[in-house]
Amino acid sequence: MQFDSLAAFMSMEGHGIFVWSVYAIAFVVLATLFLVPLRKNRQFFTEQAMLAKREQRIQQQAEG
Protein backbone atom coordinates (compact mmCIF):
# COMPACT_ATOMS: atom_id res chain seq x y z
CA MET A 1 0.00 0.00 0.00
CA GLN A 2 1.39 3.37 -0.98
CA PHE A 3 0.34 6.71 0.48
CA ASP A 4 0.54 10.13 -1.15
CA SER A 5 1.39 12.03 2.02
CA LEU A 6 2.08 11.63 5.71
CA ALA A 7 -1.49 12.72 6.48
CA ALA A 8 -2.83 9.95 4.22
CA PHE A 9 -0.55 7.48 5.96
CA MET A 10 -1.78 8.58 9.39
CA SER A 11 -5.47 8.46 8.43
CA MET A 12 -5.16 5.19 6.46
CA GLU A 13 -8.38 5.86 4.56
CA GLY A 14 -10.38 6.33 7.76
CA HIS A 15 -8.95 3.33 9.61
CA GLY A 16 -5.98 5.13 11.12
CA ILE A 17 -7.60 5.71 14.51
CA PHE A 18 -8.08 1.97 14.96
CA VAL A 19 -4.65 1.02 13.67
CA TRP A 20 -2.74 3.60 15.71
CA SER A 21 -4.77 2.95 18.87
CA VAL A 22 -3.87 -0.75 18.65
CA TYR A 23 -0.21 0.17 18.25
CA ALA A 24 -0.47 2.48 21.27
CA ILE A 25 -2.16 -0.18 23.40
CA ALA A 26 0.44 -2.77 22.38
CA PHE A 27 3.25 -0.35 23.24
CA VAL A 28 1.75 0.37 26.68
CA VAL A 29 1.31 -3.35 27.41
CA LEU A 30 4.86 -4.20 26.30
CA ALA A 31 6.32 -1.30 28.29
CA THR A 32 4.39 -2.43 31.36
CA LEU A 33 5.58 -6.01 30.94
CA PHE A 34 9.14 -4.71 30.75
CA LEU A 35 9.08 -2.08 33.51
CA VAL A 36 7.04 -3.77 36.26
CA PRO A 37 9.51 -6.66 36.80
CA LEU A 38 12.40 -4.18 36.87
CA ARG A 39 10.63 -2.18 39.57
CA LYS A 40 9.80 -5.32 41.58
CA ASN A 41 13.40 -6.50 41.26
CA ARG A 42 14.75 -3.17 42.53
CA GLN A 43 12.24 -3.19 45.38
CA PHE A 44 13.23 -6.75 46.34
CA PHE A 45 16.94 -5.93 46.51
CA THR A 46 16.25 -2.75 48.50
CA GLU A 47 14.22 -4.73 51.02
CA GLN A 48 16.93 -7.40 51.25
CA ALA A 49 19.58 -4.76 51.90
CA MET A 50 17.44 -3.23 54.67
CA LEU A 51 16.89 -6.66 56.24
CA ALA A 52 20.62 -7.42 56.11
CA LYS A 53 21.41 -4.11 57.84
CA ARG A 54 18.77 -4.81 60.47
CA GLU A 55 20.14 -8.28 61.15
CA GLN A 56 23.65 -6.85 61.38
CA ARG A 57 22.50 -4.24 63.94
CA ILE A 58 20.71 -6.90 65.98
CA GLN A 59 23.79 -9.12 65.91
CA GLN A 60 26.04 -6.22 67.01
CA GLN A 61 23.69 -5.38 69.87
CA ALA A 62 23.66 -9.02 71.01
CA GLU A 63 27.47 -9.16 71.00
CA GLY A 64 28.14 -5.86 72.69
PDB file of N, CA and C in Angstrom:
ATOM      1  N   MET A   1       0.844  -1.165   0.000  1.00  0.00           N
ATOM      2  CA  MET A   1       0.000   0.000   0.000  1.00  0.00           C
ATOM      3  C   MET A   1       0.897   1.238   0.000  1.00  0.00           C
ATOM      4  N   GLN A   2       0.588   2.167  -0.849  1.00  0.00           N
ATOM      5  CA  GLN A   2       1.393   3.366  -0.979  1.00  0.00           C
ATOM      6  C   GLN A   2       0.522   4.581  -0.680  1.00  0.00           C
ATOM      7  N   PHE A   3       1.076   5.511   0.075  1.00  0.00           N
ATOM      8  CA  PHE A   3       0.336   6.705   0.478  1.00  0.00           C
ATOM      9  C   PHE A   3       0.947   7.933  -0.189  1.00  0.00           C
ATOM     10  N   ASP A   4       0.091   8.915  -0.490  1.00  0.00           N
ATOM     11  CA  ASP A   4       0.540  10.128  -1.153  1.00  0.00           C
ATOM     12  C   ASP A   4       1.222  11.100  -0.208  1.00  0.00           C
ATOM     13  N   SER A   5       0.830  11.087   1.064  1.00  0.00           N
ATOM     14  CA  SER A   5       1.395  12.034   2.019  1.00  0.00           C
ATOM     15  C   SER A   5       1.409  11.406   3.414  1.00  0.00           C
ATOM     16  N   LEU A   6       2.039  12.106   4.328  1.00  0.00           N
ATOM     17  CA  LEU A   6       2.077  11.632   5.715  1.00  0.00           C
ATOM     18  C   LEU A   6       0.678  11.651   6.324  1.00  0.00           C
ATOM     19  N   ALA A   7      -0.116  12.650   5.976  1.00  0.00           N
ATOM     20  CA  ALA A   7      -1.492  12.722   6.484  1.00  0.00           C
ATOM     21  C   ALA A   7      -2.311  11.523   5.999  1.00  0.00           C
ATOM     22  N   ALA A   8      -2.128  11.126   4.750  1.00  0.00           N
ATOM     23  CA  ALA A   8      -2.834   9.952   4.222  1.00  0.00           C
ATOM     24  C   ALA A   8      -2.366   8.686   4.932  1.00  0.00           C
ATOM     25  N   PHE A   9      -1.084   8.632   5.227  1.00  0.00           N
ATOM     26  CA  PHE A   9      -0.549   7.483   5.960  1.00  0.00           C
ATOM     27  C   PHE A   9      -1.137   7.410   7.365  1.00  0.00           C
ATOM     28  N   MET A  10      -1.247   8.554   8.028  1.00  0.00           N
ATOM     29  CA  MET A  10      -1.777   8.579   9.390  1.00  0.00           C
ATOM     30  C   MET A  10      -3.274   8.240   9.420  1.00  0.00           C
ATOM     31  N   SER A  11      -4.027   8.712   8.428  1.00  0.00           N
ATOM     32  CA  SER A  11      -5.475   8.462   8.432  1.00  0.00           C
ATOM     33  C   SER A  11      -5.821   7.070   7.897  1.00  0.00           C
ATOM     34  N   MET A  12      -4.970   6.526   7.032  1.00  0.00           N
ATOM     35  CA  MET A  12      -5.159   5.189   6.458  1.00  0.00           C
ATOM     36  C   MET A  12      -6.583   4.972   5.966  1.00  0.00           C
ATOM     37  N   GLU A  13      -7.051   5.916   5.172  1.00  0.00           N
ATOM     38  CA  GLU A  13      -8.376   5.864   4.556  1.00  0.00           C
ATOM     39  C   GLU A  13      -9.491   5.691   5.590  1.00  0.00           C
ATOM     40  N   GLY A  14      -9.346   6.372   6.722  1.00  0.00           N
ATOM     41  CA  GLY A  14     -10.380   6.330   7.757  1.00  0.00           C
ATOM     42  C   GLY A  14     -10.165   5.276   8.821  1.00  0.00           C
ATOM     43  N   HIS A  15      -9.208   4.406   8.643  1.00  0.00           N
ATOM     44  CA  HIS A  15      -8.954   3.330   9.608  1.00  0.00           C
ATOM     45  C   HIS A  15      -7.784   3.640  10.528  1.00  0.00           C
ATOM     46  N   GLY A  16      -7.168   4.777  10.364  1.00  0.00           N
ATOM     47  CA  GLY A  16      -5.978   5.131  11.123  1.00  0.00           C
ATOM     48  C   GLY A  16      -6.197   5.151  12.620  1.00  0.00           C
ATOM     49  N   ILE A  17      -7.352   5.641  13.070  1.00  0.00           N
ATOM     50  CA  ILE A  17      -7.604   5.713  14.515  1.00  0.00           C
ATOM     51  C   ILE A  17      -7.572   4.323  15.143  1.00  0.00           C
ATOM     52  N   PHE A  18      -8.083   3.331  14.443  1.00  0.00           N
ATOM     53  CA  PHE A  18      -8.082   1.973  14.964  1.00  0.00           C
ATOM     54  C   PHE A  18      -6.680   1.366  14.922  1.00  0.00           C
ATOM     55  N   VAL A  19      -5.999   1.567  13.832  1.00  0.00           N
ATOM     56  CA  VAL A  19      -4.650   1.016  13.673  1.00  0.00           C
ATOM     57  C   VAL A  19      -3.698   1.620  14.701  1.00  0.00           C
ATOM     58  N   TRP A  20      -3.689   2.949  14.811  1.00  0.00           N
ATOM     59  CA  TRP A  20      -2.741   3.602  15.707  1.00  0.00           C
ATOM     60  C   TRP A  20      -3.109   3.383  17.173  1.00  0.00           C
ATOM     61  N   SER A  21      -4.397   3.241  17.479  1.00  0.00           N
ATOM     62  CA  SER A  21      -4.771   2.950  18.873  1.00  0.00           C
ATOM     63  C   SER A  21      -4.306   1.557  19.277  1.00  0.00           C
ATOM     64  N   VAL A  22      -4.368   0.604  18.347  1.00  0.00           N
ATOM     65  CA  VAL A  22      -3.874  -0.749  18.647  1.00  0.00           C
ATOM     66  C   VAL A  22      -2.371  -0.725  18.860  1.00  0.00           C
ATOM     67  N   TYR A  23      -1.656   0.037  18.042  1.00  0.00           N
ATOM     68  CA  TYR A  23      -0.211   0.169  18.252  1.00  0.00           C
ATOM     69  C   TYR A  23       0.083   0.807  19.607  1.00  0.00           C
ATOM     70  N   ALA A  24      -0.679   1.819  19.987  1.00  0.00           N
ATOM     71  CA  ALA A  24      -0.466   2.481  21.273  1.00  0.00           C
ATOM     72  C   ALA A  24      -0.743   1.532  22.435  1.00  0.00           C
ATOM     73  N   ILE A  25      -1.827   0.776  22.342  1.00  0.00           N
ATOM     74  CA  ILE A  25      -2.158  -0.185  23.403  1.00  0.00           C
ATOM     75  C   ILE A  25      -1.072  -1.247  23.508  1.00  0.00           C
ATOM     76  N   ALA A  26      -0.618  -1.754  22.373  1.00  0.00           N
ATOM     77  CA  ALA A  26       0.438  -2.770  22.383  1.00  0.00           C
ATOM     78  C   ALA A  26       1.718  -2.209  22.994  1.00  0.00           C
ATOM     79  N   PHE A  27       2.054  -0.965  22.669  1.00  0.00           N
ATOM     80  CA  PHE A  27       3.252  -0.352  23.240  1.00  0.00           C
ATOM     81  C   PHE A  27       3.124  -0.211  24.753  1.00  0.00           C
ATOM     82  N   VAL A  28       1.962   0.215  25.232  1.00  0.00           N
ATOM     83  CA  VAL A  28       1.747   0.369  26.679  1.00  0.00           C
ATOM     84  C   VAL A  28       1.850  -0.979  27.383  1.00  0.00           C
ATOM     85  N   VAL A  29       1.253  -2.009  26.802  1.00  0.00           N
ATOM     86  CA  VAL A  29       1.313  -3.352  27.405  1.00  0.00           C
ATOM     87  C   VAL A  29       2.754  -3.859  27.446  1.00  0.00           C
ATOM     88  N   LEU A  30       3.479  -3.731  26.338  1.00  0.00           N
ATOM     89  CA  LEU A  30       4.863  -4.201  26.302  1.00  0.00           C
ATOM     90  C   LEU A  30       5.752  -3.422  27.267  1.00  0.00           C
ATOM     91  N   ALA A  31       5.547  -2.108  27.356  1.00  0.00           N
ATOM     92  CA  ALA A  31       6.323  -1.303  28.293  1.00  0.00           C
ATOM     93  C   ALA A  31       6.028  -1.720  29.725  1.00  0.00           C
ATOM     94  N   THR A  32       4.761  -1.982  30.016  1.00  0.00           N
ATOM     95  CA  THR A  32       4.386  -2.432  31.361  1.00  0.00           C
ATOM     96  C   THR A  32       5.022  -3.774  31.680  1.00  0.00           C
ATOM     97  N   LEU A  33       4.976  -4.694  30.724  1.00  0.00           N
ATOM     98  CA  LEU A  33       5.580  -6.010  30.935  1.00  0.00           C
ATOM     99  C   LEU A  33       7.086  -5.923  31.127  1.00  0.00           C
ATOM    100  N   PHE A  34       7.697  -4.901  30.604  1.00  0.00           N
ATOM    101  CA  PHE A  34       9.138  -4.713  30.755  1.00  0.00           C
ATOM    102  C   PHE A  34       9.479  -3.988  32.051  1.00  0.00           C
ATOM    103  N   LEU A  35       8.725  -2.945  32.392  1.00  0.00           N
ATOM    104  CA  LEU A  35       9.084  -2.076  33.512  1.00  0.00           C
ATOM    105  C   LEU A  35       8.651  -2.607  34.882  1.00  0.00           C
ATOM    106  N   VAL A  36       7.523  -3.284  34.960  1.00  0.00           N
ATOM    107  CA  VAL A  36       7.043  -3.770  36.260  1.00  0.00           C
ATOM    108  C   VAL A  36       8.022  -4.762  36.886  1.00  0.00           C
ATOM    109  N   PRO A  37       8.532  -5.760  36.171  1.00  0.00           N
ATOM    110  CA  PRO A  37       9.514  -6.656  36.797  1.00  0.00           C
ATOM    111  C   PRO A  37      10.797  -5.931  37.222  1.00  0.00           C
ATOM    112  N   LEU A  38      11.223  -4.931  36.459  1.00  0.00           N
ATOM    113  CA  LEU A  38      12.403  -4.178  36.869  1.00  0.00           C
ATOM    114  C   LEU A  38      12.159  -3.468  38.201  1.00  0.00           C
ATOM    115  N   ARG A  39      10.979  -2.880  38.328  1.00  0.00           N
ATOM    116  CA  ARG A  39      10.634  -2.183  39.567  1.00  0.00           C
ATOM    117  C   ARG A  39      10.545  -3.168  40.742  1.00  0.00           C
ATOM    118  N   LYS A  40       9.912  -4.311  40.514  1.00  0.00           N
ATOM    119  CA  LYS A  40       9.797  -5.320  41.578  1.00  0.00           C
ATOM    120  C   LYS A  40      11.175  -5.847  41.978  1.00  0.00           C
ATOM    121  N   ASN A  41      12.056  -6.029  40.995  1.00  0.00           N
ATOM    122  CA  ASN A  41      13.403  -6.503  41.261  1.00  0.00           C
ATOM    123  C   ASN A  41      14.168  -5.498  42.118  1.00  0.00           C
ATOM    124  N   ARG A  42      14.077  -4.224  41.761  1.00  0.00           N
ATOM    125  CA  ARG A  42      14.748  -3.170  42.526  1.00  0.00           C
ATOM    126  C   ARG A  42      14.184  -3.107  43.946  1.00  0.00           C
ATOM    127  N   GLN A  43      12.872  -3.222  44.062  1.00  0.00           N
ATOM    128  CA  GLN A  43      12.240  -3.187  45.380  1.00  0.00           C
ATOM    129  C   GLN A  43      12.691  -4.380  46.228  1.00  0.00           C
ATOM    130  N   PHE A  44      12.791  -5.555  45.617  1.00  0.00           N
ATOM    131  CA  PHE A  44      13.229  -6.748  46.339  1.00  0.00           C
ATOM    132  C   PHE A  44      14.639  -6.566  46.888  1.00  0.00           C
ATOM    133  N   PHE A  45      15.560  -6.082  46.060  1.00  0.00           N
ATOM    134  CA  PHE A  45      16.940  -5.925  46.507  1.00  0.00           C
ATOM    135  C   PHE A  45      17.067  -4.819  47.556  1.00  0.00           C
ATOM    136  N   THR A  46      16.254  -3.799  47.472  1.00  0.00           N
ATOM    137  CA  THR A  46      16.253  -2.751  48.502  1.00  0.00           C
ATOM    138  C   THR A  46      15.785  -3.322  49.832  1.00  0.00           C
ATOM    139  N   GLU A  47      14.720  -4.112  49.797  1.00  0.00           N
ATOM    140  CA  GLU A  47      14.218  -4.733  51.021  1.00  0.00           C
ATOM    141  C   GLU A  47      15.242  -5.698  51.609  1.00  0.00           C
ATOM    142  N   GLN A  48      15.917  -6.452  50.764  1.00  0.00           N
ATOM    143  CA  GLN A  48      16.927  -7.395  51.252  1.00  0.00           C
ATOM    144  C   GLN A  48      18.104  -6.660  51.891  1.00  0.00           C
ATOM    145  N   ALA A  49      18.492  -5.547  51.319  1.00  0.00           N
ATOM    146  CA  ALA A  49      19.578  -4.759  51.905  1.00  0.00           C
ATOM    147  C   ALA A  49      19.159  -4.208  53.266  1.00  0.00           C
ATOM    148  N   MET A  50      17.924  -3.741  53.378  1.00  0.00           N
ATOM    149  CA  MET A  50      17.435  -3.234  54.666  1.00  0.00           C
ATOM    150  C   MET A  50      17.374  -4.344  55.707  1.00  0.00           C
ATOM    151  N   LEU A  51      16.937  -5.532  55.308  1.00  0.00           N
ATOM    152  CA  LEU A  51      16.892  -6.659  56.241  1.00  0.00           C
ATOM    153  C   LEU A  51      18.293  -7.070  56.681  1.00  0.00           C
ATOM    154  N   ALA A  52      19.246  -7.051  55.763  1.00  0.00           N
ATOM    155  CA  ALA A  52      20.620  -7.418  56.112  1.00  0.00           C
ATOM    156  C   ALA A  52      21.193  -6.413  57.108  1.00  0.00           C
ATOM    157  N   LYS A  53      20.936  -5.119  56.901  1.00  0.00           N
ATOM    158  CA  LYS A  53      21.412  -4.106  57.844  1.00  0.00           C
ATOM    159  C   LYS A  53      20.771  -4.286  59.211  1.00  0.00           C
ATOM    160  N   ARG A  54      19.483  -4.602  59.197  1.00  0.00           N
ATOM    161  CA  ARG A  54      18.768  -4.810  60.466  1.00  0.00           C
ATOM    162  C   ARG A  54      19.336  -6.007  61.222  1.00  0.00           C
ATOM    163  N   GLU A  55      19.566  -7.096  60.510  1.00  0.00           N
ATOM    164  CA  GLU A  55      20.138  -8.276  61.150  1.00  0.00           C
ATOM    165  C   GLU A  55      21.538  -7.993  61.685  1.00  0.00           C
ATOM    166  N   GLN A  56      22.309  -7.204  60.940  1.00  0.00           N
ATOM    167  CA  GLN A  56      23.650  -6.850  61.380  1.00  0.00           C
ATOM    168  C   GLN A  56      23.589  -6.008  62.658  1.00  0.00           C
ATOM    169  N   ARG A  57      22.660  -5.058  62.734  1.00  0.00           N
ATOM    170  CA  ARG A  57      22.495  -4.239  63.940  1.00  0.00           C
ATOM    171  C   ARG A  57      22.082  -5.094  65.122  1.00  0.00           C
ATOM    172  N   ILE A  58      21.160  -6.029  64.900  1.00  0.00           N
ATOM    173  CA  ILE A  58      20.710  -6.904  65.982  1.00  0.00           C
ATOM    174  C   ILE A  58      21.856  -7.775  66.481  1.00  0.00           C
ATOM    175  N   GLN A  59      22.661  -8.267  65.535  1.00  0.00           N
ATOM    176  CA  GLN A  59      23.792  -9.117  65.907  1.00  0.00           C
ATOM    177  C   GLN A  59      24.829  -8.316  66.684  1.00  0.00           C
ATOM    178  N   GLN A  60      25.076  -7.072  66.293  1.00  0.00           N
ATOM    179  CA  GLN A  60      26.037  -6.220  67.015  1.00  0.00           C
ATOM    180  C   GLN A  60      25.532  -5.888  68.402  1.00  0.00           C
ATOM    181  N   GLN A  61      24.248  -5.681  68.553  1.00  0.00           N
ATOM    182  CA  GLN A  61      23.685  -5.379  69.867  1.00  0.00           C
ATOM    183  C   GLN A  61      23.767  -6.601  70.764  1.00  0.00           C
ATOM    184  N   ALA A  62      23.605  -7.784  70.220  1.00  0.00           N
ATOM    185  CA  ALA A  62      23.664  -9.019  71.006  1.00  0.00           C
ATOM    186  C   ALA A  62      25.098  -9.285  71.474  1.00  0.00           C
ATOM    187  N   GLU A  63      26.082  -8.924  70.656  1.00  0.00           N
ATOM    188  CA  GLU A  63      27.474  -9.156  71.005  1.00  0.00           C
ATOM    189  C   GLU A  63      27.981  -8.128  72.016  1.00  0.00           C
ATOM    190  N   GLY A  64      27.529  -6.924  71.892  1.00  0.00           N
ATOM    191  CA  GLY A  64      28.139  -5.861  72.694  1.00  0.00           C
ATOM    192  C   GLY A  64      27.174  -5.231  73.581  1.00  0.00           C
TER     193      GLY A  64
END
